[in-house]
Amino acid sequence: MNKQRRMISLDETTDQYIQAYMEEHHFRFPGEAIEDICRKYRDEKEKEWSLQYISEVVSQNLHEVLKKELTKIRLGTNAADKNSQILIELMNGIFFNKSELGTGFIPTSVQEVEPVRIAREEVDRRIAHQRQKRIDWQESRGKQENFSKEMN
């Protein structure tokens, strides 16, 4: 690499900075310190607009947008779950009222009639089955990722 000789004038603050930089990084000559500072500056500029940097920024923005949207969905799901629980209570009361057990509304916490109990158990089975499928899928995905890492 060809070196170019330059005569430069620096203000006192810049000169002191270069001297401190030389001591910190164990450089013998000011030119070496200036080269190192310039190289680091170039690297930082390249990194600033690199694909990785851009993808990190986009990813962060996407994360924020999705977080807001998922919060809305979660709140809607909670409302739907509440409505489902209300419907179950009403159905229990209807079945109870139509049966020979008496009149009036009885919540499931007091007495749950057979059709509602069967429906609840069926829903519980479906949820458990779906949960197990998701766990199995996550485990197989984890094994695939580990296998891919081992192959590399």
Protein backbone atom coordinates (compact mmCIF):
# COMPACT_ATOMS: atom_id res chain seq x y z
CA MET A 1 0.00 0.00 0.00
CA ASN A 2 1.40 3.38 -0.99
CA LYS A 3 1.56 6.00 1.71
CA GLN A 4 0.93 9.67 0.98
CA ARG A 5 2.74 12.35 2.96
CA ARG A 6 0.55 15.28 4.03
CA MET A 7 1.20 18.45 5.91
CA ILE A 8 -1.86 19.19 8.03
CA SER A 9 -2.80 21.74 10.64
CA LEU A 10 -5.07 20.73 13.51
CA ASP A 11 -6.72 22.70 16.25
CA GLU A 12 -5.53 21.98 19.77
CA THR A 13 -8.57 19.87 20.74
CA THR A 14 -8.20 17.59 17.72
CA ASP A 15 -4.48 17.22 18.30
CA GLN A 16 -5.07 16.25 21.94
CA TYR A 17 -7.70 13.74 20.85
CA ILE A 18 -5.29 12.11 18.38
CA GLN A 19 -2.57 11.95 21.06
CA ALA A 20 -4.97 10.31 23.53
CA TYR A 21 -6.14 7.90 20.81
CA MET A 22 -2.53 6.97 20.04
CA GLU A 23 -1.86 6.17 23.70
CA GLU A 24 -5.08 4.21 24.10
CA HIS A 25 -4.52 2.09 20.98
CA HIS A 26 -0.72 1.94 21.23
CA PHE A 27 0.08 3.69 17.96
CA ARG A 28 3.56 5.17 17.46
CA PHE A 29 2.66 7.75 14.83
CA PRO A 30 -0.24 10.17 14.39
CA GLY A 31 -0.78 8.92 10.83
CA GLU A 32 -1.55 5.43 12.14
CA ALA A 33 -4.13 6.83 14.56
CA ILE A 34 -5.74 8.93 11.83
CA GLU A 35 -5.86 5.90 9.49
CA ASP A 36 -7.51 3.82 12.21
CA ILE A 37 -10.06 6.54 12.99
CA CYS A 38 -10.88 6.91 9.28
CA ARG A 39 -11.19 3.13 8.80
CA LYS A 40 -13.57 2.84 11.75
CA TYR A 41 -15.60 5.76 10.43
CA ARG A 42 -15.87 4.15 6.96
CA ASP A 43 -16.89 0.82 8.51
CA GLU A 44 -19.55 2.56 10.58
CA LYS A 45 -20.92 4.38 7.52
CA GLU A 46 -21.09 1.14 5.51
CA LYS A 47 -22.75 -0.65 8.41
CA GLU A 48 -25.25 2.15 8.82
CA TRP A 49 -26.91 1.46 5.47
CA SER A 50 -26.16 -2.23 5.20
CA LEU A 51 -28.89 -4.73 4.50
CA GLN A 52 -28.62 -6.02 8.05
CA TYR A 53 -29.19 -2.56 9.47
CA ILE A 54 -32.18 -1.94 7.22
CA SER A 55 -33.70 -5.33 8.04
CA GLU A 56 -33.29 -4.66 11.77
CA VAL A 57 -35.08 -1.32 11.45
CA VAL A 58 -37.89 -2.83 9.37
CA SER A 59 -38.15 -5.75 11.77
CA GLN A 60 -38.43 -3.43 14.76
CA ASN A 61 -41.13 -1.33 13.07
CA LEU A 62 -43.03 -4.45 12.03
CA HIS A 63 -42.81 -5.78 15.58
CA GLU A 64 -44.36 -2.57 16.94
CA VAL A 65 -47.22 -2.65 14.39
CA LEU A 66 -47.93 -6.34 14.99
CA LYS A 67 -47.82 -5.85 18.75
CA LYS A 68 -50.57 -3.24 18.53
CA GLU A 69 -52.67 -5.39 16.18
CA LEU A 70 -52.23 -8.52 18.30
CA THR A 71 -53.33 -6.58 21.37
CA LYS A 72 -56.53 -5.64 19.56
CA ILE A 73 -57.08 -9.27 18.52
CA ARG A 74 -56.41 -10.50 22.06
CA LEU A 75 -58.94 -8.05 23.49
CA GLY A 76 -61.50 -9.14 20.90
CA THR A 77 -60.87 -12.79 21.72
CA ASN A 78 -61.35 -12.12 25.42
CA ALA A 79 -64.69 -10.45 24.66
CA ALA A 80 -65.75 -13.42 22.52
CA ASP A 81 -64.75 -15.80 25.31
CA LYS A 82 -66.83 -13.81 27.77
CA ASN A 83 -69.80 -13.92 25.42
CA SER A 84 -69.37 -17.68 25.03
CA GLN A 85 -69.40 -18.11 28.80
CA ILE A 86 -72.60 -16.06 29.02
CA LEU A 87 -74.20 -18.26 26.35
CA ILE A 88 -73.20 -21.39 28.23
CA GLU A 89 -74.81 -20.04 31.40
CA LEU A 90 -77.99 -19.15 29.51
CA MET A 91 -78.16 -22.57 27.86
CA ASN A 92 -77.65 -24.25 31.21
CA GLY A 93 -80.55 -22.21 32.60
CA ILE A 94 -82.77 -23.10 29.62
CA PHE A 95 -82.02 -26.82 29.91
CA PHE A 96 -82.50 -26.68 33.65
CA ASN A 97 -85.79 -24.80 33.25
CA LYS A 98 -87.07 -27.31 30.65
CA SER A 99 -86.16 -30.31 32.76
CA GLU A 100 -88.04 -31.75 35.69
CA LEU A 101 -85.56 -30.27 38.14
CA GLY A 102 -87.48 -27.07 38.78
CA THR A 103 -88.03 -23.60 37.45
CA GLY A 104 -85.88 -20.50 37.35
CA PHE A 105 -82.33 -19.83 36.28
CA ILE A 106 -79.53 -21.93 37.77
CA PRO A 107 -75.91 -21.04 36.88
CA THR A 108 -73.44 -23.78 36.01
CA SER A 109 -71.60 -23.13 39.28
CA VAL A 110 -74.68 -24.44 41.15
CA GLN A 111 -75.73 -27.21 38.82
CA GLU A 112 -74.60 -28.06 35.33
CA VAL A 113 -77.10 -30.00 33.24
CA GLU A 114 -76.01 -33.02 31.19
CA PRO A 115 -76.10 -31.47 27.66
CA VAL A 116 -73.95 -28.51 28.78
CA ARG A 117 -71.51 -30.83 30.60
CA ILE A 118 -71.13 -32.98 27.47
CA ALA A 119 -70.59 -29.91 25.29
CA ARG A 120 -68.00 -28.49 27.71
CA GLU A 121 -66.09 -31.78 27.85
CA GLU A 122 -66.07 -32.00 24.05
CA VAL A 123 -64.71 -28.45 23.74
CA ASP A 124 -62.07 -29.23 26.39
CA ARG A 125 -61.00 -32.32 24.42
CA ARG A 126 -60.72 -30.29 21.20
CA ILE A 127 -58.65 -27.60 22.90
CA ALA A 128 -56.34 -30.19 24.47
CA HIS A 129 -55.92 -31.93 21.10
CA GLN A 130 -55.09 -28.65 19.33
CA ARG A 131 -52.65 -27.71 22.11
CA GLN A 132 -50.90 -31.08 21.81
CA LYS A 133 -50.67 -30.71 18.02
CA ARG A 134 -49.06 -27.28 18.47
CA ILE A 135 -46.57 -28.63 21.05
CA ASP A 136 -45.68 -31.55 18.76
CA TRP A 137 -45.21 -29.17 15.82
CA GLN A 138 -42.98 -26.87 17.89
CA GLU A 139 -40.86 -29.81 19.06
CA SER A 140 -40.43 -31.13 15.52
CA ARG A 141 -39.53 -27.63 14.33
CA GLY A 142 -36.92 -27.35 17.09
CA LYS A 143 -35.44 -30.71 16.12
CA GLN A 144 -35.27 -29.62 12.47
CA GLU A 145 -33.45 -26.41 13.45
CA ASN A 146 -30.99 -28.36 15.61
CA PHE A 147 -30.41 -30.82 12.75
CA SER A 148 -29.78 -27.93 10.34
CA LYS A 149 -27.24 -26.41 12.74
CA GLU A 150 -25.48 -29.77 13.11
CA MET A 151 -25.24 -30.16 9.35
CA ASN A 152 -23.54 -26.76 8.98
